[in-house]
PDB file of N, CA and C in Angstrom:
ATOM      1  N   LEU A   1       0.680  -1.195  -0.005  1.00  0.00           N
ATOM      2  CA  LEU A   1      -0.077   0.011  -0.075  1.00  0.00           C
ATOM      3  C   LEU A   1       0.816   1.190  -0.049  1.00  0.00           C
ATOM      4  N   ILE A   2       0.696   2.035  -0.857  1.00  0.00           N
ATOM      5  CA  ILE A   2       1.488   3.416  -0.810  1.00  0.00           C
ATOM      6  C   ILE A   2       0.356   4.362  -0.557  1.00  0.00           C
ATOM      7  N   GLN A   3       0.569   4.949   0.535  1.00  0.00           N
ATOM      8  CA  GLN A   3      -0.132   6.337   0.892  1.00  0.00           C
ATOM      9  C   GLN A   3       0.633   7.718   1.021  1.00  0.00           C
ATOM     10  N   PRO A   4      -0.077   8.239  -0.263  1.00  0.00           N
ATOM     11  CA  PRO A   4       0.747   9.725  -0.649  1.00  0.00           C
ATOM     12  C   PRO A   4       0.383  10.701   0.280  1.00  0.00           C
ATOM     13  N   GLY A   5       1.143  11.646   0.611  1.00  0.00           N
ATOM     14  CA  GLY A   5       1.053  12.741   1.420  1.00  0.00           C
ATOM     15  C   GLY A   5       2.213  12.982   1.960  1.00  0.00           C
ATOM     16  N   ARG A   6       2.354  14.464   2.875  1.00  0.00           N
ATOM     17  CA  ARG A   6       3.366  14.715   3.461  1.00  0.00           C
ATOM     18  C   ARG A   6       2.595  15.321   5.121  1.00  0.00           C
ATOM     19  N   PRO A   7       3.414  15.690   5.784  1.00  0.00           N
ATOM     20  CA  PRO A   7       2.609  16.375   7.238  1.00  0.00           C
ATOM     21  C   PRO A   7       2.230  17.659   6.800  1.00  0.00           C
ATOM     22  N   ASP A   8       1.125  17.821   7.029  1.00  0.00           N
ATOM     23  CA  ASP A   8       0.388  19.204   6.936  1.00  0.00           C
ATOM     24  C   ASP A   8      -0.833  19.137   7.800  1.00  0.00           C
ATOM     25  N   ARG A   9      -1.754  20.187   7.955  1.00  0.00           N
ATOM     26  CA  ARG A   9      -2.567  20.225   8.903  1.00  0.00           C
ATOM     27  C   ARG A   9      -3.987  19.142   8.329  1.00  0.00           C
ATOM     28  N   PHE A  10      -3.850  18.723   7.207  1.00  0.00           N
ATOM     29  CA  PHE A  10      -5.126  17.729   6.717  1.00  0.00           C
ATOM     30  C   PHE A  10      -4.393  16.042   7.112  1.00  0.00           C
ATOM     31  N   ASN A  11      -3.360  15.921   6.893  1.00  0.00           N
ATOM     32  CA  ASN A  11      -2.807  14.665   7.088  1.00  0.00           C
ATOM     33  C   ASN A  11      -2.480  14.249   8.600  1.00  0.00           C
ATOM     34  N   ASN A  12      -2.030  15.198   8.939  1.00  0.00           N
ATOM     35  CA  ASN A  12      -1.826  15.002  10.601  1.00  0.00           C
ATOM     36  C   ASN A  12      -2.754  14.142  11.307  1.00  0.00           C
ATOM     37  N   TYR A  13      -4.209  14.859  10.837  1.00  0.00           N
ATOM     38  CA  TYR A  13      -5.372  14.054  11.616  1.00  0.00           C
ATOM     39  C   TYR A  13      -6.135  13.028  10.884  1.00  0.00           C
ATOM     40  N   ARG A  14      -5.607  12.607   9.579  1.00  0.00           N
ATOM     41  CA  ARG A  14      -6.513  11.651   8.714  1.00  0.00           C
ATOM     42  C   ARG A  14      -5.602  10.287   9.244  1.00  0.00           C
ATOM     43  N   PHE A  15      -6.423   9.314   9.141  1.00  0.00           N
ATOM     44  CA  PHE A  15      -6.326   8.195   9.155  1.00  0.00           C
ATOM     45  C   PHE A  15      -7.179   7.045   8.445  1.00  0.00           C
ATOM     46  N   PRO A  16      -6.491   6.952   7.014  1.00  0.00           N
ATOM     47  CA  PRO A  16      -7.100   6.209   6.382  1.00  0.00           C
ATOM     48  C   PRO A  16      -7.723   4.625   6.500  1.00  0.00           C
ATOM     49  N   CYS A  17      -8.755   4.360   6.527  1.00  0.00           N
ATOM     50  CA  CYS A  17      -9.578   3.172   6.892  1.00  0.00           C
ATOM     51  C   CYS A  17      -8.603   1.932   6.439  1.00  0.00           C
ATOM     52  N   LYS A  18      -7.898   2.095   5.316  1.00  0.00           N
ATOM     53  CA  LYS A  18      -7.305   0.836   4.720  1.00  0.00           C
ATOM     54  C   LYS A  18      -6.061   0.090   5.266  1.00  0.00           C
ATOM     55  N   LEU A  19      -5.433   1.479   5.860  1.00  0.00           N
ATOM     56  CA  LEU A  19      -4.204   0.915   6.663  1.00  0.00           C
ATOM     57  C   LEU A  19      -4.129  -0.239   7.443  1.00  0.00           C
ATOM     58  N   PRO A  20      -4.897   0.081   8.568  1.00  0.00           N
ATOM     59  CA  PRO A  20      -5.194  -1.390   9.775  1.00  0.00           C
ATOM     60  C   PRO A  20      -5.502  -2.362   8.651  1.00  0.00           C
ATOM     61  N   GLU A  21      -6.027  -2.706   7.814  1.00  0.00           N
ATOM     62  CA  GLU A  21      -6.404  -3.587   7.070  1.00  0.00           C
ATOM     63  C   GLU A  21      -5.054  -4.295   6.226  1.00  0.00           C
ATOM     64  N   PHE A  22      -4.666  -3.235   5.704  1.00  0.00           N
ATOM     65  CA  PHE A  22      -3.103  -3.695   4.999  1.00  0.00           C
ATOM     66  C   PHE A  22      -1.943  -4.199   5.887  1.00  0.00           C
ATOM     67  N   LEU A  23      -1.983  -3.573   7.378  1.00  0.00           N
ATOM     68  CA  LEU A  23      -0.819  -3.861   7.771  1.00  0.00           C
ATOM     69  C   LEU A  23      -1.219  -5.266   8.603  1.00  0.00           C
ATOM     70  N   ALA A  24      -2.356  -5.524   9.056  1.00  0.00           N
ATOM     71  CA  ALA A  24      -2.944  -6.646   9.174  1.00  0.00           C
ATOM     72  C   ALA A  24      -2.752  -8.018   8.731  1.00  0.00           C
ATOM     73  N   MET A  25      -2.769  -7.329   7.234  1.00  0.00           N
ATOM     74  CA  MET A  25      -2.363  -8.627   6.330  1.00  0.00           C
ATOM     75  C   MET A  25      -1.161  -8.774   6.058  1.00  0.00           C
ATOM     76  N   GLY A  26      -0.091  -8.124   6.588  1.00  0.00           N
ATOM     77  CA  GLY A  26       1.207  -8.255   6.164  1.00  0.00           C
ATOM     78  C   GLY A  26       1.824  -7.728   4.916  1.00  0.00           C
ATOM     79  N   LYS A  27       0.780  -6.621   4.476  1.00  0.00           N
ATOM     80  CA  LYS A  27       1.484  -6.131   3.150  1.00  0.00           C
ATOM     81  C   LYS A  27       2.316  -4.862   3.457  1.00  0.00           C
ATOM     82  N   PRO A  28       3.497  -4.741   2.828  1.00  0.00           N
ATOM     83  CA  PRO A  28       4.313  -3.599   3.074  1.00  0.00           C
ATOM     84  C   PRO A  28       3.608  -2.483   2.791  1.00  0.00           C
ATOM     85  N   VAL A  29       3.966  -1.685   3.634  1.00  0.00           N
ATOM     86  CA  VAL A  29       3.307  -0.338   3.505  1.00  0.00           C
ATOM     87  C   VAL A  29       4.199   1.291   3.201  1.00  0.00           C
ATOM     88  N   VAL A  30       3.975   2.036   2.278  1.00  0.00           N
ATOM     89  CA  VAL A  30       4.697   3.391   2.430  1.00  0.00           C
ATOM     90  C   VAL A  30       4.079   4.349   2.764  1.00  0.00           C
ATOM     91  N   LEU A  31       4.381   5.175   3.787  1.00  0.00           N
ATOM     92  CA  LEU A  31       3.462   6.204   4.071  1.00  0.00           C
ATOM     93  C   LEU A  31       4.431   7.383   4.787  1.00  0.00           C
ATOM     94  N   PRO A  32       4.012   8.773   4.469  1.00  0.00           N
ATOM     95  CA  PRO A  32       4.489   9.724   5.073  1.00  0.00           C
ATOM     96  C   PRO A  32       4.548   9.612   6.895  1.00  0.00           C
ATOM     97  N   ALA A  33       5.467  10.552   7.174  1.00  0.00           N
ATOM     98  CA  ALA A  33       5.921  10.494   8.622  1.00  0.00           C
ATOM     99  C   ALA A  33       4.760  11.636   9.174  1.00  0.00           C
ATOM    100  N   THR A  34       3.648  11.034   9.384  1.00  0.00           N
ATOM    101  CA  THR A  34       2.613  12.243   9.856  1.00  0.00           C
ATOM    102  C   THR A  34       1.624  10.995  10.507  1.00  0.00           C
ATOM    103  N   ASN A  35       0.655  11.430  11.516  1.00  0.00           N
ATOM    104  CA  ASN A  35      -0.201  10.601  12.038  1.00  0.00           C
ATOM    105  C   ASN A  35       0.409   9.237  12.421  1.00  0.00           C
ATOM    106  N   ILE A  36      -0.270   8.130  11.924  1.00  0.00           N
ATOM    107  CA  ILE A  36       0.303   6.823  12.489  1.00  0.00           C
ATOM    108  C   ILE A  36       2.030   6.324  12.209  1.00  0.00           C
ATOM    109  N   GLY A  37       2.365   7.326  10.949  1.00  0.00           N
ATOM    110  CA  GLY A  37       3.685   7.088  10.911  1.00  0.00           C
ATOM    111  C   GLY A  37       4.603   7.417  12.030  1.00  0.00           C
ATOM    112  N   LEU A  38       4.278   8.427  12.728  1.00  0.00           N
ATOM    113  CA  LEU A  38       4.698   8.829  13.593  1.00  0.00           C
ATOM    114  C   LEU A  38       5.341   7.963  14.343  1.00  0.00           C
ATOM    115  N   VAL A  39       4.578   6.801  14.994  1.00  0.00           N
ATOM    116  CA  VAL A  39       4.777   5.886  15.810  1.00  0.00           C
ATOM    117  C   VAL A  39       5.247   4.318  15.129  1.00  0.00           C
ATOM    118  N   MET A  40       5.220   4.690  13.871  1.00  0.00           N
ATOM    119  CA  MET A  40       5.693   3.386  13.160  1.00  0.00           C
ATOM    120  C   MET A  40       7.521   3.375  12.915  1.00  0.00           C
ATOM    121  N   GLU A  41       8.010   2.506  13.072  1.00  0.00           N
ATOM    122  CA  GLU A  41       9.611   2.360  12.638  1.00  0.00           C
ATOM    123  C   GLU A  41      10.053   2.198  11.317  1.00  0.00           C
ATOM    124  N   ASN A  42      10.730   3.221  10.652  1.00  0.00           N
ATOM    125  CA  ASN A  42      10.987   3.401   9.137  1.00  0.00           C
ATOM    126  C   ASN A  42      11.802   1.952   8.824  1.00  0.00           C
ATOM    127  N   GLN A  43      11.511   1.465   7.862  1.00  0.00           N
ATOM    128  CA  GLN A  43      12.095   0.013   7.484  1.00  0.00           C
ATOM    129  C   GLN A  43      12.021  -0.841   8.136  1.00  0.00           C
ATOM    130  N   LYS A  44      11.214  -1.294   9.342  1.00  0.00           N
ATOM    131  CA  LYS A  44      10.780  -2.315  10.231  1.00  0.00           C
ATOM    132  C   LYS A  44       9.315  -2.443   9.919  1.00  0.00           C
ATOM    133  N   ASP A  45       8.644  -1.477  10.420  1.00  0.00           N
ATOM    134  CA  ASP A  45       6.713  -1.629  10.199  1.00  0.00           C
ATOM    135  C   ASP A  45       6.599  -1.254   8.933  1.00  0.00           C
ATOM    136  N   ALA A  46       7.379  -0.093   8.430  1.00  0.00           N
ATOM    137  CA  ALA A  46       7.022   0.141   7.174  1.00  0.00           C
ATOM    138  C   ALA A  46       8.115   1.226   6.542  1.00  0.00           C
ATOM    139  N   LEU A  47       8.106   1.526   5.396  1.00  0.00           N
ATOM    140  CA  LEU A  47       8.665   2.658   4.940  1.00  0.00           C
ATOM    141  C   LEU A  47       8.015   4.169   5.073  1.00  0.00           C
ATOM    142  N   VAL A  48       8.554   4.713   6.193  1.00  0.00           N
ATOM    143  CA  VAL A  48       8.348   5.875   6.349  1.00  0.00           C
ATOM    144  C   VAL A  48       8.951   7.324   5.872  1.00  0.00           C
ATOM    145  N   LEU A  49       8.653   7.884   5.186  1.00  0.00           N
ATOM    146  CA  LEU A  49       9.329   8.738   4.641  1.00  0.00           C
ATOM    147  C   LEU A  49       8.816  10.113   4.810  1.00  0.00           C
ATOM    148  N   PRO A  50       9.625  11.051   4.585  1.00  0.00           N
ATOM    149  CA  PRO A  50       9.270  12.822   5.091  1.00  0.00           C
ATOM    150  C   PRO A  50       8.187  13.184   4.433  1.00  0.00           C
ATOM    151  N   VAL A  51       8.002  12.544   2.885  1.00  0.00           N
ATOM    152  CA  VAL A  51       7.055  13.337   1.997  1.00  0.00           C
ATOM    153  C   VAL A  51       6.847  11.889   1.210  1.00  0.00           C
ATOM    154  N   VAL A  52       5.581  11.464   0.815  1.00  0.00           N
ATOM    155  CA  VAL A  52       5.234  10.546  -0.197  1.00  0.00           C
ATOM    156  C   VAL A  52       5.131  11.312  -1.215  1.00  0.00           C
ATOM    157  N   ASP A  53       5.354  11.150  -2.237  1.00  0.00           N
ATOM    158  CA  ASP A  53       5.207  11.948  -3.720  1.00  0.00           C
ATOM    159  C   ASP A  53       5.778  11.238  -4.428  1.00  0.00           C
ATOM    160  N   ALA A  54       5.625  11.447  -6.288  1.00  0.00           N
ATOM    161  CA  ALA A  54       5.955  10.977  -6.927  1.00  0.00           C
ATOM    162  C   ALA A  54       7.194   9.817  -7.267  1.00  0.00           C
ATOM    163  N   VAL A  55       7.962  11.066  -6.776  1.00  0.00           N
ATOM    164  CA  VAL A  55       9.486  10.467  -6.781  1.00  0.00           C
ATOM    165  C   VAL A  55       9.920   9.374  -5.859  1.00  0.00           C
ATOM    166  N   ASN A  56       9.348   9.605  -4.738  1.00  0.00           N
ATOM    167  CA  ASN A  56       9.552   8.864  -3.471  1.00  0.00           C
ATOM    168  C   ASN A  56       8.818   7.587  -3.746  1.00  0.00           C
ATOM    169  N   ILE A  57       7.752   7.699  -4.507  1.00  0.00           N
ATOM    170  CA  ILE A  57       6.882   6.627  -4.757  1.00  0.00           C
ATOM    171  C   ILE A  57       7.624   5.338  -5.503  1.00  0.00           C
ATOM    172  N   VAL A  58       8.093   5.652  -6.810  1.00  0.00           N
ATOM    173  CA  VAL A  58       8.700   5.247  -7.719  1.00  0.00           C
ATOM    174  C   VAL A  58      10.392   4.387  -7.020  1.00  0.00           C
ATOM    175  N   ASN A  59      10.727   5.714  -6.672  1.00  0.00           N
ATOM    176  CA  ASN A  59      11.977   4.762  -5.589  1.00  0.00           C
ATOM    177  C   ASN A  59      11.449   3.802  -4.516  1.00  0.00           C
ATOM    178  N   SER A  60      10.629   4.038  -3.879  1.00  0.00           N
ATOM    179  CA  SER A  60      10.175   2.780  -2.868  1.00  0.00           C
ATOM    180  C   SER A  60       9.532   1.742  -3.238  1.00  0.00           C
ATOM    181  N   VAL A  61       9.243   1.561  -4.577  1.00  0.00           N
ATOM    182  CA  VAL A  61       8.382   0.591  -5.338  1.00  0.00           C
ATOM    183  C   VAL A  61       9.369  -0.112  -5.696  1.00  0.00           C
ATOM    184  N   GLU A  62      10.461   0.392  -6.188  1.00  0.00           N
ATOM    185  CA  GLU A  62      11.727  -0.055  -6.680  1.00  0.00           C
ATOM    186  C   GLU A  62      12.821  -0.697  -5.878  1.00  0.00           C
ATOM    187  N   LYS A  63      12.865  -0.209  -4.735  1.00  0.00           N
ATOM    188  CA  LYS A  63      13.453  -0.646  -3.921  1.00  0.00           C
ATOM    189  C   LYS A  63      12.863  -1.900  -2.978  1.00  0.00           C
ATOM    190  N   LEU A  64      11.302  -1.822  -3.109  1.00  0.00           N
ATOM    191  CA  LEU A  64      10.424  -3.197  -2.110  1.00  0.00           C
ATOM    192  C   LEU A  64      10.687  -4.241  -3.439  1.00  0.00           C
ATOM    193  N   LEU A  65      10.614  -4.273  -5.033  1.00  0.00           N
ATOM    194  CA  LEU A  65      10.738  -4.859  -5.846  1.00  0.00           C
ATOM    195  C   LEU A  65      12.193  -5.701  -6.133  1.00  0.00           C
ATOM    196  N   THR A  66      13.299  -4.873  -5.412  1.00  0.00           N
ATOM    197  CA  THR A  66      14.675  -5.271  -5.739  1.00  0.00           C
ATOM    198  C   THR A  66      15.125  -5.644  -4.526  1.00  0.00           C
ATOM    199  N   VAL A  67      14.974  -5.324  -3.178  1.00  0.00           N
ATOM    200  CA  VAL A  67      15.337  -5.944  -2.241  1.00  0.00           C
ATOM    201  C   VAL A  67      14.147  -6.858  -1.168  1.00  0.00           C
ATOM    202  N   SER A  68      14.438  -7.869  -1.800  1.00  0.00           N
ATOM    203  CA  SER A  68      13.267  -9.057  -1.177  1.00  0.00           C
ATOM    204  C   SER A  68      13.483  -9.448   0.327  1.00  0.00           C
ATOM    205  N   SER A  69      14.372  -9.068   0.652  1.00  0.00           N
ATOM    206  CA  SER A  69      14.577  -9.129   2.201  1.00  0.00           C
ATOM    207  C   SER A  69      13.643  -7.944   3.097  1.00  0.00           C
ATOM    208  N   LEU A  70      13.691  -6.828   1.986  1.00  0.00           N
ATOM    209  CA  LEU A  70      12.800  -5.565   3.073  1.00  0.00           C
ATOM    210  C   LEU A  70      11.266  -5.844   2.946  1.00  0.00           C
ATOM    211  N   SER A  71      11.159  -6.271   1.919  1.00  0.00           N
ATOM    212  CA  SER A  71       9.444  -6.728   1.730  1.00  0.00           C
ATOM    213  C   SER A  71       9.250  -7.708   2.855  1.00  0.00           C
ATOM    214  N   GLU A  72       9.916  -8.695   2.944  1.00  0.00           N
ATOM    215  CA  GLU A  72       9.772  -9.862   4.010  1.00  0.00           C
ATOM    216  C   GLU A  72       9.967  -8.952   5.380  1.00  0.00           C
ATOM    217  N   LYS A  73      10.657  -8.063   5.398  1.00  0.00           N
ATOM    218  CA  LYS A  73      10.904  -7.463   6.801  1.00  0.00           C
ATOM    219  C   LYS A  73       9.518  -6.820   7.173  1.00  0.00           C
ATOM    220  N   LEU A  74       9.317  -5.915   6.033  1.00  0.00           N
ATOM    221  CA  LEU A  74       8.265  -5.015   6.091  1.00  0.00           C
ATOM    222  C   LEU A  74       6.875  -5.715   6.357  1.00  0.00           C
ATOM    223  N   SER A  75       6.801  -6.843   5.849  1.00  0.00           N
ATOM    224  CA  SER A  75       5.410  -7.697   5.861  1.00  0.00           C
ATOM    225  C   SER A  75       5.391  -8.272   7.504  1.00  0.00           C
ATOM    226  N   GLU A  76       6.673  -8.741   8.014  1.00  0.00           N
ATOM    227  CA  GLU A  76       6.520  -9.346   9.276  1.00  0.00           C
ATOM    228  C   GLU A  76       6.200  -8.174  10.261  1.00  0.00           C
ATOM    229  N   GLY A  77       6.998  -6.942   9.977  1.00  0.00           N
ATOM    230  CA  GLY A  77       6.651  -5.938  11.081  1.00  0.00           C
ATOM    231  C   GLY A  77       5.394  -5.095  10.886  1.00  0.00           C
ATOM    232  N   ALA A  78       4.693  -5.118   9.674  1.00  0.00           N
ATOM    233  CA  ALA A  78       3.245  -4.783   9.792  1.00  0.00           C
ATOM    234  C   ALA A  78       2.420  -5.458  10.346  1.00  0.00           C
ATOM    235  N   ILE A  79       2.503  -6.773  10.265  1.00  0.00           N
ATOM    236  CA  ILE A  79       1.703  -7.617  11.230  1.00  0.00           C
ATOM    237  C   ILE A  79       1.516  -7.329  12.518  1.00  0.00           C
ATOM    238  N   ASN A  80       3.114  -7.519  13.197  1.00  0.00           N
ATOM    239  CA  ASN A  80       3.474  -7.113  14.278  1.00  0.00           C
ATOM    240  C   ASN A  80       2.877  -5.938  15.136  1.00  0.00           C
ATOM    241  N   PHE A  81       2.738  -4.854  14.194  1.00  0.00           N
ATOM    242  CA  PHE A  81       2.716  -3.276  14.766  1.00  0.00           C
ATOM    243  C   PHE A  81       0.954  -3.419  14.640  1.00  0.00           C
ATOM    244  N   ALA A  82       0.224  -4.209  13.801  1.00  0.00           N
ATOM    245  CA  ALA A  82      -0.912  -4.291  13.823  1.00  0.00           C
ATOM    246  C   ALA A  82      -1.447  -5.072  15.102  1.00  0.00           C
ATOM    247  N   LYS A  83      -0.961  -6.033  15.477  1.00  0.00           N
ATOM    248  CA  LYS A  83      -1.282  -6.977  16.856  1.00  0.00           C
ATOM    249  C   LYS A  83      -0.968  -5.799  17.748  1.00  0.00           C
ATOM    250  N   THR A  84      -0.308  -5.331  17.970  1.00  0.00           N
ATOM    251  CA  THR A  84       0.381  -4.510  18.934  1.00  0.00           C
ATOM    252  C   THR A  84      -0.549  -3.155  19.109  1.00  0.00           C
ATOM    253  N   HIS A  85      -0.888  -2.322  18.258  1.00  0.00           N
ATOM    254  CA  HIS A  85      -1.286  -1.101  17.967  1.00  0.00           C
ATOM    255  C   HIS A  85      -2.696  -1.054  17.719  1.00  0.00           C
ATOM    256  N   LEU A  86      -3.084  -2.211  16.973  1.00  0.00           N
ATOM    257  CA  LEU A  86      -4.175  -1.949  16.416  1.00  0.00           C
ATOM    258  C   LEU A  86      -5.407  -2.973  17.013  1.00  0.00           C
ATOM    259  N   ASN A  87      -5.207  -3.291  18.207  1.00  0.00           N
ATOM    260  CA  ASN A  87      -5.832  -4.495  18.653  1.00  0.00           C
ATOM    261  C   ASN A  87      -7.338  -3.919  19.372  1.00  0.00           C
ATOM    262  N   TRP A  88      -8.350  -4.312  18.901  1.00  0.00           N
ATOM    263  CA  TRP A  88      -9.451  -3.766  19.499  1.00  0.00           C
ATOM    264  C   TRP A  88      -9.657  -3.811  20.706  1.00  0.00           C
ATOM    265  N   GLN A  89      -9.379  -5.330  21.406  1.00  0.00           N
ATOM    266  CA  GLN A  89      -9.601  -5.467  22.744  1.00  0.00           C
ATOM    267  C   GLN A  89      -8.841  -4.831  23.637  1.00  0.00           C
ATOM    268  N   LYS A  90      -7.673  -4.584  23.347  1.00  0.00           N
ATOM    269  CA  LYS A  90      -6.735  -3.840  24.258  1.00  0.00           C
ATOM    270  C   LYS A  90      -7.088  -2.207  23.913  1.00  0.00           C
ATOM    271  N   ASN A  91      -7.492  -1.832  22.615  1.00  0.00           N
ATOM    272  CA  ASN A  91      -7.876  -0.423  22.742  1.00  0.00           C
ATOM    273  C   ASN A  91      -8.865   0.022  23.633  1.00  0.00           C
ATOM    274  N   THR A  92     -10.239  -1.052  23.432  1.00  0.00           N
ATOM    275  CA  THR A  92     -11.372  -0.729  24.151  1.00  0.00           C
ATOM    276  C   THR A  92     -11.182  -0.641  25.684  1.00  0.00           C
ATOM    277  N   GLU A  93     -10.305  -1.640  26.225  1.00  0.00           N
ATOM    278  CA  GLU A  93      -9.698  -1.702  27.663  1.00  0.00           C
ATOM    279  C   GLU A  93      -9.155  -0.297  27.960  1.00  0.00           C
ATOM    280  N   LEU A  94      -8.325  -0.048  27.077  1.00  0.00           N
ATOM    281  CA  LEU A  94      -7.446   1.589  27.365  1.00  0.00           C
ATOM    282  C   LEU A  94      -8.537   2.550  27.466  1.00  0.00           C
ATOM    283  N   LEU A  95      -9.335   2.543  26.280  1.00  0.00           N
ATOM    284  CA  LEU A  95     -10.532   3.945  26.513  1.00  0.00           C
ATOM    285  C   LEU A  95     -11.349   3.654  27.789  1.00  0.00           C
ATOM    286  N   LYS A  96     -11.869   2.425  27.925  1.00  0.00           N
ATOM    287  CA  LYS A  96     -12.721   2.338  29.222  1.00  0.00           C
ATOM    288  C   LYS A  96     -12.035   2.712  30.356  1.00  0.00           C
ATOM    289  N   SER A  97     -10.972   2.284  30.519  1.00  0.00           N
ATOM    290  CA  SER A  97      -9.945   2.747  31.759  1.00  0.00           C
ATOM    291  C   SER A  97      -9.786   4.635  31.846  1.00  0.00           C
ATOM    292  N   PHE A  98      -9.891   5.052  30.624  1.00  0.00           N
ATOM    293  CA  PHE A  98      -9.735   6.481  30.800  1.00  0.00           C
ATOM    294  C   PHE A  98     -11.137   6.871  31.199  1.00  0.00           C
ATOM    295  N   TYR A  99     -12.102   6.442  30.534  1.00  0.00           N
ATOM    296  CA  TYR A  99     -13.400   7.228  31.020  1.00  0.00           C
ATOM    297  C   TYR A  99     -13.881   6.845  32.435  1.00  0.00           C
ATOM    298  N   LYS A 100     -13.324   5.923  32.762  1.00  0.00           N
ATOM    299  CA  LYS A 100     -13.537   5.352  34.146  1.00  0.00           C
ATOM    300  C   LYS A 100     -12.572   6.441  35.267  1.00  0.00           C
ATOM    301  N   GLU A 101     -11.334   6.966  34.625  1.00  0.00           N
ATOM    302  CA  GLU A 101     -10.625   7.836  35.076  1.00  0.00           C
ATOM    303  C   GLU A 101     -11.550   9.333  35.282  1.00  0.00           C
ATOM    304  N   ILE A 102     -11.664   9.684  34.165  1.00  0.00           N
ATOM    305  CA  ILE A 102     -12.200  11.037  34.296  1.00  0.00           C
ATOM    306  C   ILE A 102     -13.579  11.106  34.779  1.00  0.00           C
ATOM    307  N   GLY A 103     -14.105  10.157  35.318  1.00  0.00           N
ATOM    308  CA  GLY A 103     -15.569  10.170  35.925  1.00  0.00           C
ATOM    309  C   GLY A 103     -16.732   9.997  35.118  1.00  0.00           C
TER     310      GLY A 103
END
């Protein structure tokens, strides 16, 4: 999955619904260093770039096609990230405890 964009007022708060699905499926992801990209580790969980524009998209796809170990590493990292950070049960418990805390 390639999520084009750059850090800005729009992308900082945008969370495309396709991202969790692709991460959970272990698909390599290329995204800008904004929103969820800020908590993902570059070249482990995804390719996290300062800006995902046409040039960086071409370079990233070329890299993924030529470095097979990177694609495999990102696939594993994506699954692990999804299990750790995008777990409904875990997030529900955190939200529930937050609401209890604020009363």
